[in-house]
Amino acid sequence: MSASASEIIFLGHCPDQVGLDARITGFFAGELFNILDLSQHSERGRFFIRIEGSEEGERQSIQTWTEKFFPIARELNMEYSFHDPLERPRVVMFCSKTLSCPLEIISRWLSGDLRIDLRAVISNHMDIDPVVRKLDIPFHHVSTRERTIDFEPQQLRILDRYNPDLVVLARYMKILSGSFLEEARIPILNIHHSFLPSFIGNDPYEQAYRRGVKLIGATAHFVTRELDEGPIIHQDVVRIGHQFSVADMKQVGADIEKQVLASALRKFIERKIIQWQGRTVVFH
């Protein structure tokens, strides 16, 4: 959808029942709302819907839309939200020494491919500092060599300053504690290679090489207390052969990780993700 000043995105989910389409689209018709795209899905007795459209009459605020739909949502026991596609989500990115993923996000942000408000970069290494300094992106180096209780409060104070809608872990090589997740209270997007949980540790590509792995992939997911087991947003794989060295496998892995992370972030930006009971419904 090509965003204009009068376009709106609607997301909702509720217990499945007969007539939901008619009830929801009838509301929008009554508001002179032209539906440009509608996607829906039902599973395990739950109904999910995403609508893109434009207002034909006088523009209404997101708050007004939210208030007007509330009586229907209460009737249907629906969780819902309205979004302005012109609004750029505020993002803070975490990274470490590996720069393929953070540089991919920055490149796509600069080109306009990812419509985000990149507020700041936080890293436990200085490797990315020369890049963000040239681009005038606020950079914060927070060493993670000390105890978690010493450095995580620093990171949380930085997040409070920038008030992000999303944190992106772009190959940030440190586990976030449960208390960090509770205090941050915002979605956190992470990327990891596809060898988990089979090959755990510091040398997963070496382990995969020894086992003769023929598929390399990546998984982008939301972060939860369970390490690398949060709701999955996007995955992809690439076939390799016996002729690939460990270095070749790492290069392929870096390429697919940055593509999968960028794709997952785009889904978030475009409001195409609904979380429910530990999994995601991701609209295309």
C-alpha atoms as a PDB file:
ATOM      1  CA  MET A   1       0.000   0.000   0.000  1.00  0.00           C
ATOM      2  CA  SER A   2       1.335   3.396  -0.914  1.00  0.00           C
ATOM      3  CA  ALA A   3       0.870   5.393   2.266  1.00  0.00           C
ATOM      4  CA  SER A   4      -1.021   8.669   2.097  1.00  0.00           C
ATOM      5  CA  ALA A   5      -2.401  11.032   4.731  1.00  0.00           C
ATOM      6  CA  SER A   6      -5.788   9.254   4.886  1.00  0.00           C
ATOM      7  CA  GLU A   7      -4.785   5.603   5.055  1.00  0.00           C
ATOM      8  CA  ILE A   8      -5.255   3.372   8.094  1.00  0.00           C
ATOM      9  CA  ILE A   9      -4.195  -0.137   9.141  1.00  0.00           C
ATOM     10  CA  PHE A  10      -6.444  -2.215  11.403  1.00  0.00           C
ATOM     11  CA  LEU A  11      -5.366  -5.362  13.281  1.00  0.00           C
ATOM     12  CA  GLY A  12      -7.659  -7.528  15.361  1.00  0.00           C
ATOM     13  CA  HIS A  13      -8.242 -10.998  16.763  1.00  0.00           C
ATOM     14  CA  CYS A  14     -11.078 -12.565  18.697  1.00  0.00           C
ATOM     15  CA  PRO A  15     -12.912 -15.860  19.274  1.00  0.00           C
ATOM     16  CA  ASP A  16     -14.026 -17.238  15.926  1.00  0.00           C
ATOM     17  CA  GLN A  17     -17.712 -17.171  15.052  1.00  0.00           C
ATOM     18  CA  VAL A  18     -20.031 -16.878  12.080  1.00  0.00           C
ATOM     19  CA  GLY A  19     -20.475 -13.412  10.575  1.00  0.00           C
ATOM     20  CA  LEU A  20     -17.283 -11.725  11.744  1.00  0.00           C
ATOM     21  CA  ASP A  21     -16.348 -10.472   8.270  1.00  0.00           C
ATOM     22  CA  ALA A  22     -19.734  -8.875   7.785  1.00  0.00           C
ATOM     23  CA  ARG A  23     -19.722  -7.305  11.252  1.00  0.00           C
ATOM     24  CA  ILE A  24     -16.258  -5.784  10.871  1.00  0.00           C
ATOM     25  CA  THR A  25     -16.492  -4.671   7.231  1.00  0.00           C
ATOM     26  CA  GLY A  26     -19.951  -3.292   7.904  1.00  0.00           C
ATOM     27  CA  PHE A  27     -18.473  -0.973  10.501  1.00  0.00           C
ATOM     28  CA  PHE A  28     -15.885   0.324   8.050  1.00  0.00           C
ATOM     29  CA  ALA A  29     -18.475   0.786   5.300  1.00  0.00           C
ATOM     30  CA  GLY A  30     -20.540   2.854   7.676  1.00  0.00           C
ATOM     31  CA  GLU A  31     -17.527   5.084   8.292  1.00  0.00           C
ATOM     32  CA  LEU A  32     -16.961   5.597   4.518  1.00  0.00           C
ATOM     33  CA  PHE A  33     -13.758   3.597   4.792  1.00  0.00           C
ATOM     34  CA  ASN A  34     -12.591   2.107   1.496  1.00  0.00           C
ATOM     35  CA  ILE A  35     -11.007  -1.320   2.129  1.00  0.00           C
ATOM     36  CA  LEU A  36      -7.953  -1.730  -0.124  1.00  0.00           C
ATOM     37  CA  ASP A  37      -6.679  -5.018   1.286  1.00  0.00           C
ATOM     38  CA  LEU A  38      -8.113  -7.563   3.723  1.00  0.00           C
ATOM     39  CA  SER A  39      -6.307 -10.632   5.085  1.00  0.00           C
ATOM     40  CA  GLN A  40      -7.735 -13.069   7.597  1.00  0.00           C
ATOM     41  CA  HIS A  41      -6.894 -16.352   9.253  1.00  0.00           C
ATOM     42  CA  SER A  42      -8.588 -18.743  11.666  1.00  0.00           C
ATOM     43  CA  GLU A  43      -6.993 -21.391  13.866  1.00  0.00           C
ATOM     44  CA  ARG A  44      -7.750 -23.117  17.174  1.00  0.00           C
ATOM     45  CA  GLY A  45     -11.022 -21.224  17.477  1.00  0.00           C
ATOM     46  CA  ARG A  46      -9.369 -17.829  17.014  1.00  0.00           C
ATOM     47  CA  PHE A  47     -10.007 -15.344  14.204  1.00  0.00           C
ATOM     48  CA  PHE A  48      -7.285 -12.941  13.002  1.00  0.00           C
ATOM     49  CA  ILE A  49      -7.751 -10.051  10.589  1.00  0.00           C
ATOM     50  CA  ARG A  50      -5.724  -7.239   9.034  1.00  0.00           C
ATOM     51  CA  ILE A  51      -7.284  -4.460   6.970  1.00  0.00           C
ATOM     52  CA  GLU A  52      -5.672  -1.675   4.964  1.00  0.00           C
ATOM     53  CA  GLY A  53      -7.867   1.122   3.714  1.00  0.00           C
ATOM     54  CA  SER A  54      -8.435   4.805   3.188  1.00  0.00           C
ATOM     55  CA  GLU A  55     -10.949   7.290   4.533  1.00  0.00           C
ATOM     56  CA  GLU A  56     -13.274   8.828   2.007  1.00  0.00           C
ATOM     57  CA  GLY A  57     -14.514  11.556   4.312  1.00  0.00           C
ATOM     58  CA  GLU A  58     -12.836  13.857   6.811  1.00  0.00           C
ATOM     59  CA  ARG A  59      -9.700  12.404   8.342  1.00  0.00           C
ATOM     60  CA  GLN A  60     -10.118  10.916  11.810  1.00  0.00           C
ATOM     61  CA  SER A  61      -7.363  10.380  14.357  1.00  0.00           C
ATOM     62  CA  ILE A  62      -6.170   6.956  15.472  1.00  0.00           C
ATOM     63  CA  GLN A  63      -7.711   7.634  18.871  1.00  0.00           C
ATOM     64  CA  THR A  64     -11.088   8.430  17.266  1.00  0.00           C
ATOM     65  CA  TRP A  65     -11.021   5.209  15.247  1.00  0.00           C
ATOM     66  CA  THR A  66     -10.092   3.268  18.384  1.00  0.00           C
ATOM     67  CA  GLU A  67     -12.970   4.773  20.357  1.00  0.00           C
ATOM     68  CA  LYS A  68     -15.523   4.272  17.590  1.00  0.00           C
ATOM     69  CA  PHE A  69     -14.665   0.595  17.184  1.00  0.00           C
ATOM     70  CA  PHE A  70     -14.700  -0.125  20.910  1.00  0.00           C
ATOM     71  CA  PRO A  71     -18.411  -1.116  21.174  1.00  0.00           C
ATOM     72  CA  ILE A  72     -17.947  -3.744  18.445  1.00  0.00           C
ATOM     73  CA  ALA A  73     -14.714  -4.980  19.993  1.00  0.00           C
ATOM     74  CA  ARG A  74     -16.456  -5.370  23.359  1.00  0.00           C
ATOM     75  CA  GLU A  75     -19.291  -7.274  21.703  1.00  0.00           C
ATOM     76  CA  LEU A  76     -16.868  -9.598  19.896  1.00  0.00           C
ATOM     77  CA  ASN A  77     -14.360  -9.858  22.783  1.00  0.00           C
ATOM     78  CA  MET A  78     -11.735  -8.618  20.331  1.00  0.00           C
ATOM     79  CA  GLU A  79      -8.227  -7.307  20.873  1.00  0.00           C
ATOM     80  CA  TYR A  80      -7.571  -4.667  18.231  1.00  0.00           C
ATOM     81  CA  SER A  81      -5.482  -1.683  17.202  1.00  0.00           C
ATOM     82  CA  PHE A  82      -5.415   1.027  14.540  1.00  0.00           C
ATOM     83  CA  HIS A  83      -2.189   2.324  12.990  1.00  0.00           C
ATOM     84  CA  ASP A  84      -1.073   5.144  10.734  1.00  0.00           C
ATOM     85  CA  PRO A  85       1.158   3.678   7.975  1.00  0.00           C
ATOM     86  CA  LEU A  86       3.023   6.983   7.765  1.00  0.00           C
ATOM     87  CA  GLU A  87       4.172   6.654  11.377  1.00  0.00           C
ATOM     88  CA  ARG A  88       7.764   5.395  11.612  1.00  0.00           C
ATOM     89  CA  PRO A  89       8.326   3.059  14.584  1.00  0.00           C
ATOM     90  CA  ARG A  90      11.014   4.311  16.940  1.00  0.00           C
ATOM     91  CA  VAL A  91      13.864   1.765  17.006  1.00  0.00           C
ATOM     92  CA  VAL A  92      16.949   1.305  19.165  1.00  0.00           C
ATOM     93  CA  MET A  93      19.432  -1.252  17.847  1.00  0.00           C
ATOM     94  CA  PHE A  94      21.744  -3.412  19.962  1.00  0.00           C
ATOM     95  CA  CYS A  95      24.862  -4.945  18.383  1.00  0.00           C
ATOM     96  CA  SER A  96      28.290  -6.409  19.192  1.00  0.00           C
ATOM     97  CA  LYS A  97      31.380  -7.097  17.068  1.00  0.00           C
ATOM     98  CA  THR A  98      29.640  -8.792  14.116  1.00  0.00           C
ATOM     99  CA  LEU A  99      28.416  -5.950  11.900  1.00  0.00           C
ATOM    100  CA  SER A 100      26.683  -7.646   8.954  1.00  0.00           C
ATOM    101  CA  CYS A 101      23.212  -7.341  10.486  1.00  0.00           C
ATOM    102  CA  PRO A 102      23.473  -3.818  11.949  1.00  0.00           C
ATOM    103  CA  LEU A 103      25.023  -2.483   8.737  1.00  0.00           C
ATOM    104  CA  GLU A 104      22.195  -4.061   6.732  1.00  0.00           C
ATOM    105  CA  ILE A 105      19.587  -2.332   8.900  1.00  0.00           C
ATOM    106  CA  ILE A 106      21.400   0.997   8.668  1.00  0.00           C
ATOM    107  CA  SER A 107      21.775   0.686   4.882  1.00  0.00           C
ATOM    108  CA  ARG A 108      18.087  -0.081   4.386  1.00  0.00           C
ATOM    109  CA  TRP A 109      17.141   2.732   6.752  1.00  0.00           C
ATOM    110  CA  LEU A 110      19.270   5.199   4.767  1.00  0.00           C
ATOM    111  CA  SER A 111      17.755   4.057   1.455  1.00  0.00           C
ATOM    112  CA  GLY A 112      14.203   4.326   2.784  1.00  0.00           C
ATOM    113  CA  ASP A 113      13.600   0.598   2.391  1.00  0.00           C
ATOM    114  CA  LEU A 114      12.972   0.311   6.131  1.00  0.00           C
ATOM    115  CA  ARG A 115      10.730   3.152   7.292  1.00  0.00           C
ATOM    116  CA  ILE A 116      11.941   3.466  10.872  1.00  0.00           C
ATOM    117  CA  ASP A 117      13.048   6.228  13.189  1.00  0.00           C
ATOM    118  CA  LEU A 118      16.456   4.865  14.176  1.00  0.00           C
ATOM    119  CA  ARG A 119      16.902   6.591  17.519  1.00  0.00           C
ATOM    120  CA  ALA A 120      20.208   5.101  18.718  1.00  0.00           C
ATOM    121  CA  VAL A 121      22.662   2.208  18.646  1.00  0.00           C
ATOM    122  CA  ILE A 122      23.846   0.481  21.821  1.00  0.00           C
ATOM    123  CA  SER A 123      26.832  -1.851  21.660  1.00  0.00           C
ATOM    124  CA  ASN A 124      29.141  -3.703  24.016  1.00  0.00           C
ATOM    125  CA  HIS A 125      31.999  -3.135  21.520  1.00  0.00           C
ATOM    126  CA  MET A 126      33.298  -0.065  19.693  1.00  0.00           C
ATOM    127  CA  ASP A 127      33.469  -1.600  16.207  1.00  0.00           C
ATOM    128  CA  ILE A 128      30.408   0.188  14.828  1.00  0.00           C
ATOM    129  CA  ASP A 129      31.271   3.578  16.319  1.00  0.00           C
ATOM    130  CA  PRO A 130      33.045   4.978  13.187  1.00  0.00           C
ATOM    131  CA  VAL A 131      29.989   4.164  11.039  1.00  0.00           C
ATOM    132  CA  VAL A 132      27.317   5.663  13.254  1.00  0.00           C
ATOM    133  CA  ARG A 133      29.477   8.683  14.052  1.00  0.00           C
ATOM    134  CA  LYS A 134      29.626   9.587  10.344  1.00  0.00           C
ATOM    135  CA  LEU A 135      25.860   9.206  10.066  1.00  0.00           C
ATOM    136  CA  ASP A 136      25.179  11.225  13.219  1.00  0.00           C
ATOM    137  CA  ILE A 137      23.341   8.323  14.860  1.00  0.00           C
ATOM    138  CA  PRO A 138      23.532   8.500  18.664  1.00  0.00           C
ATOM    139  CA  PHE A 139      25.887   5.763  19.874  1.00  0.00           C
ATOM    140  CA  HIS A 140      26.233   4.345  23.373  1.00  0.00           C
ATOM    141  CA  HIS A 141      28.991   1.956  24.374  1.00  0.00           C
ATOM    142  CA  VAL A 142      27.966  -0.147  27.372  1.00  0.00           C
ATOM    143  CA  SER A 143      30.539  -2.709  28.412  1.00  0.00           C
ATOM    144  CA  THR A 144      29.081  -6.091  29.373  1.00  0.00           C
ATOM    145  CA  ARG A 145      32.209  -7.406  31.051  1.00  0.00           C
ATOM    146  CA  GLU A 146      30.805  -6.650  34.488  1.00  0.00           C
ATOM    147  CA  ARG A 147      27.836  -8.284  36.216  1.00  0.00           C
ATOM    148  CA  THR A 148      24.428  -8.097  34.535  1.00  0.00           C
ATOM    149  CA  ILE A 149      23.048  -6.040  37.415  1.00  0.00           C
ATOM    150  CA  ASP A 150      25.719  -3.415  36.669  1.00  0.00           C
ATOM    151  CA  PHE A 151      25.290  -2.890  32.910  1.00  0.00           C
ATOM    152  CA  GLU A 152      21.605  -3.620  32.231  1.00  0.00           C
ATOM    153  CA  PRO A 153      20.394  -0.624  34.278  1.00  0.00           C
ATOM    154  CA  GLN A 154      22.594   1.574  32.047  1.00  0.00           C
ATOM    155  CA  GLN A 155      20.953   0.112  28.950  1.00  0.00           C
ATOM    156  CA  LEU A 156      17.471   0.591  30.393  1.00  0.00           C
ATOM    157  CA  ARG A 157      18.193   4.241  31.198  1.00  0.00           C
ATOM    158  CA  ILE A 158      19.282   4.748  27.582  1.00  0.00           C
ATOM    159  CA  LEU A 159      16.068   3.128  26.349  1.00  0.00           C
ATOM    160  CA  ASP A 160      14.041   5.424  28.603  1.00  0.00           C
ATOM    161  CA  ARG A 161      15.746   8.395  26.981  1.00  0.00           C
ATOM    162  CA  TYR A 162      14.797   7.363  23.429  1.00  0.00           C
ATOM    163  CA  ASN A 163      11.387   5.788  24.186  1.00  0.00           C
ATOM    164  CA  PRO A 164      11.542   3.177  21.377  1.00  0.00           C
ATOM    165  CA  ASP A 165       8.633   1.133  20.056  1.00  0.00           C
ATOM    166  CA  LEU A 166      11.008  -1.747  19.308  1.00  0.00           C
ATOM    167  CA  VAL A 167      14.479  -2.983  20.212  1.00  0.00           C
ATOM    168  CA  VAL A 168      16.346  -4.840  17.457  1.00  0.00           C
ATOM    169  CA  LEU A 169      19.098  -7.230  18.541  1.00  0.00           C
ATOM    170  CA  ALA A 170      21.280  -7.179  15.423  1.00  0.00           C
ATOM    171  CA  ARG A 171      23.626  -9.997  16.410  1.00  0.00           C
ATOM    172  CA  TYR A 172      23.931  -8.675  19.968  1.00  0.00           C
ATOM    173  CA  MET A 173      25.913 -11.438  21.657  1.00  0.00           C
ATOM    174  CA  LYS A 174      24.610 -11.177  25.195  1.00  0.00           C
ATOM    175  CA  ILE A 175      21.593 -12.802  26.816  1.00  0.00           C
ATOM    176  CA  LEU A 176      18.986 -10.367  28.150  1.00  0.00           C
ATOM    177  CA  SER A 177      17.863 -11.141  31.676  1.00  0.00           C
ATOM    178  CA  GLY A 178      14.253 -11.655  32.675  1.00  0.00           C
ATOM    179  CA  SER A 179      14.314  -8.460  34.725  1.00  0.00           C
ATOM    180  CA  PHE A 180      15.500  -6.510  31.652  1.00  0.00           C
ATOM    181  CA  LEU A 181      12.566  -7.836  29.618  1.00  0.00           C
ATOM    182  CA  GLU A 182      10.117  -6.962  32.386  1.00  0.00           C
ATOM    183  CA  GLU A 183      11.413  -3.424  32.784  1.00  0.00           C
ATOM    184  CA  ALA A 184      11.775  -2.700  29.056  1.00  0.00           C
ATOM    185  CA  ARG A 185       8.114  -3.620  28.386  1.00  0.00           C
ATOM    186  CA  ILE A 186       8.481  -3.291  24.600  1.00  0.00           C
ATOM    187  CA  PRO A 187       8.849  -5.846  21.792  1.00  0.00           C
ATOM    188  CA  ILE A 188      12.419  -7.045  21.222  1.00  0.00           C
ATOM    189  CA  LEU A 189      13.370  -8.611  17.888  1.00  0.00           C
ATOM    190  CA  ASN A 190      16.254 -11.079  17.650  1.00  0.00           C
ATOM    191  CA  ILE A 191      18.057 -13.069  14.939  1.00  0.00           C
ATOM    192  CA  HIS A 192      19.940 -16.346  15.269  1.00  0.00           C
ATOM    193  CA  HIS A 193      21.318 -19.042  12.996  1.00  0.00           C
ATOM    194  CA  SER A 194      19.290 -22.161  12.275  1.00  0.00           C
ATOM    195  CA  PHE A 195      21.662 -24.636  13.919  1.00  0.00           C
ATOM    196  CA  LEU A 196      19.967 -24.245  17.281  1.00  0.00           C
ATOM    197  CA  PRO A 197      19.277 -26.267  19.325  1.00  0.00           C
ATOM    198  CA  SER A 198      21.464 -28.959  17.702  1.00  0.00           C
ATOM    199  CA  PHE A 199      24.764 -27.077  17.746  1.00  0.00           C
ATOM    200  CA  ILE A 200      25.130 -25.014  20.907  1.00  0.00           C
ATOM    201  CA  GLY A 201      28.187 -22.995  21.876  1.00  0.00           C
ATOM    202  CA  ASN A 202      30.778 -20.714  20.340  1.00  0.00           C
ATOM    203  CA  ASP A 203      31.540 -22.784  17.240  1.00  0.00           C
ATOM    204  CA  PRO A 204      28.199 -23.839  15.685  1.00  0.00           C
ATOM    205  CA  TYR A 205      29.534 -23.603  12.115  1.00  0.00           C
ATOM    206  CA  GLU A 206      32.477 -25.859  12.953  1.00  0.00           C
ATOM    207  CA  GLN A 207      30.086 -28.360  14.501  1.00  0.00           C
ATOM    208  CA  ALA A 208      27.782 -28.138  11.480  1.00  0.00           C
ATOM    209  CA  TYR A 209      30.730 -28.624   9.136  1.00  0.00           C
ATOM    210  CA  ARG A 210      31.806 -31.774  10.961  1.00  0.00           C
ATOM    211  CA  ARG A 211      28.279 -33.172  10.693  1.00  0.00           C
ATOM    212  CA  GLY A 212      28.019 -32.397   6.976  1.00  0.00           C
ATOM    213  CA  VAL A 213      25.086 -29.985   7.266  1.00  0.00           C
ATOM    214  CA  LYS A 214      23.539 -29.170   3.868  1.00  0.00           C
ATOM    215  CA  LEU A 215      21.150 -26.383   4.890  1.00  0.00           C
ATOM    216  CA  ILE A 216      22.019 -23.047   6.489  1.00  0.00           C
ATOM    217  CA  GLY A 217      19.265 -20.811   7.709  1.00  0.00           C
ATOM    218  CA  ALA A 218      18.236 -18.059  10.096  1.00  0.00           C
ATOM    219  CA  THR A 219      15.302 -17.357  12.400  1.00  0.00           C
ATOM    220  CA  ALA A 220      13.974 -13.952  13.442  1.00  0.00           C
ATOM    221  CA  HIS A 221      11.765 -13.977  16.519  1.00  0.00           C
ATOM    222  CA  PHE A 222      10.502 -11.946  19.426  1.00  0.00           C
ATOM    223  CA  VAL A 223      12.522 -12.285  22.621  1.00  0.00           C
ATOM    224  CA  THR A 224      11.056 -14.051  25.649  1.00  0.00           C
ATOM    225  CA  ARG A 225      12.501 -15.457  28.858  1.00  0.00           C
ATOM    226  CA  GLU A 226      13.078 -18.777  27.071  1.00  0.00           C
ATOM    227  CA  LEU A 227      16.345 -18.349  25.182  1.00  0.00           C
ATOM    228  CA  ASP A 228      15.847 -18.345  21.375  1.00  0.00           C
ATOM    229  CA  GLU A 229      12.348 -19.803  21.755  1.00  0.00           C
ATOM    230  CA  GLY A 230      10.231 -16.683  21.293  1.00  0.00           C
ATOM    231  CA  PRO A 231       7.419 -16.403  18.708  1.00  0.00           C
ATOM    232  CA  ILE A 232       8.921 -16.782  15.219  1.00  0.00           C
ATOM    233  CA  ILE A 233       8.384 -14.010  12.658  1.00  0.00           C
ATOM    234  CA  HIS A 234      10.449 -15.051   9.660  1.00  0.00           C
ATOM    235  CA  GLN A 235      12.791 -17.866   8.597  1.00  0.00           C
ATOM    236  CA  ASP A 236      14.730 -18.806   5.487  1.00  0.00           C
ATOM    237  CA  VAL A 237      17.323 -21.362   4.371  1.00  0.00           C
ATOM    238  CA  VAL A 238      20.044 -21.750   1.739  1.00  0.00           C
ATOM    239  CA  ARG A 239      21.344 -25.070   0.393  1.00  0.00           C
ATOM    240  CA  ILE A 240      25.076 -25.705   0.565  1.00  0.00           C
ATOM    241  CA  GLY A 241      27.326 -28.601  -0.462  1.00  0.00           C
ATOM    242  CA  HIS A 242      30.251 -30.634   0.784  1.00  0.00           C
ATOM    243  CA  GLN A 243      32.653 -28.228  -0.953  1.00  0.00           C
ATOM    244  CA  PHE A 244      31.766 -25.395   1.449  1.00  0.00           C
ATOM    245  CA  SER A 245      34.444 -24.655   4.023  1.00  0.00           C
ATOM    246  CA  VAL A 246      33.651 -23.369   7.498  1.00  0.00           C
ATOM    247  CA  ALA A 247      34.504 -19.854   6.280  1.00  0.00           C
ATOM    248  CA  ASP A 248      32.139 -20.281   3.307  1.00  0.00           C
ATOM    249  CA  MET A 249      29.371 -21.454   5.643  1.00  0.00           C
ATOM    250  CA  LYS A 250      29.858 -18.457   7.917  1.00  0.00           C
ATOM    251  CA  GLN A 251      29.590 -16.088   4.946  1.00  0.00           C
ATOM    252  CA  VAL A 252      26.383 -17.733   3.761  1.00  0.00           C
ATOM    253  CA  GLY A 253      25.077 -17.607   7.322  1.00  0.00           C
ATOM    254  CA  ALA A 254      25.824 -13.887   7.646  1.00  0.00           C
ATOM    255  CA  ASP A 255      24.073 -13.153   4.349  1.00  0.00           C
ATOM    256  CA  ILE A 256      20.892 -14.997   5.221  1.00  0.00           C
ATOM    257  CA  GLU A 257      20.792 -13.651   8.788  1.00  0.00           C
ATOM    258  CA  LYS A 258      20.790 -10.036   7.636  1.00  0.00           C
ATOM    259  CA  GLN A 259      18.107 -10.718   5.024  1.00  0.00           C
ATOM    260  CA  VAL A 260      15.841 -12.519   7.478  1.00  0.00           C
ATOM    261  CA  LEU A 261      16.280  -9.838  10.143  1.00  0.00           C
ATOM    262  CA  ALA A 262      15.446  -7.061   7.668  1.00  0.00           C
ATOM    263  CA  SER A 263      12.376  -8.964   6.438  1.00  0.00           C
ATOM    264  CA  ALA A 264      11.112  -9.496   9.981  1.00  0.00           C
ATOM    265  CA  LEU A 265      11.634  -5.827  10.801  1.00  0.00           C
ATOM    266  CA  ARG A 266       9.672  -4.849   7.687  1.00  0.00           C
ATOM    267  CA  LYS A 267       6.767  -7.038   8.844  1.00  0.00           C
ATOM    268  CA  PHE A 268       6.789  -5.160  12.144  1.00  0.00           C
ATOM    269  CA  ILE A 269       6.893  -1.781  10.400  1.00  0.00           C
ATOM    270  CA  GLU A 270       3.999  -2.716   8.126  1.00  0.00           C
ATOM    271  CA  ARG A 271       1.919  -3.938  11.087  1.00  0.00           C
ATOM    272  CA  LYS A 272       1.594  -7.450   9.708  1.00  0.00           C
ATOM    273  CA  ILE A 273       2.266  -9.398  12.913  1.00  0.00           C
ATOM    274  CA  ILE A 274      -0.179 -10.555  15.575  1.00  0.00           C
ATOM    275  CA  GLN A 275       1.094 -12.499  18.595  1.00  0.00           C
ATOM    276  CA  TRP A 276      -1.181 -15.023  20.256  1.00  0.00           C
ATOM    277  CA  GLN A 277      -0.419 -17.755  22.782  1.00  0.00           C
ATOM    278  CA  GLY A 278       3.285 -18.037  22.064  1.00  0.00           C
ATOM    279  CA  ARG A 279       3.156 -17.930  18.264  1.00  0.00           C
ATOM    280  CA  THR A 280       2.672 -15.375  15.544  1.00  0.00           C
ATOM    281  CA  VAL A 281       0.251 -14.862  12.703  1.00  0.00           C
ATOM    282  CA  VAL A 282       2.231 -13.031  10.005  1.00  0.00           C
ATOM    283  CA  PHE A 283       0.244 -11.597   7.111  1.00  0.00           C
ATOM    284  CA  HIS A 284       1.771 -11.332   3.633  1.00  0.00           C
END
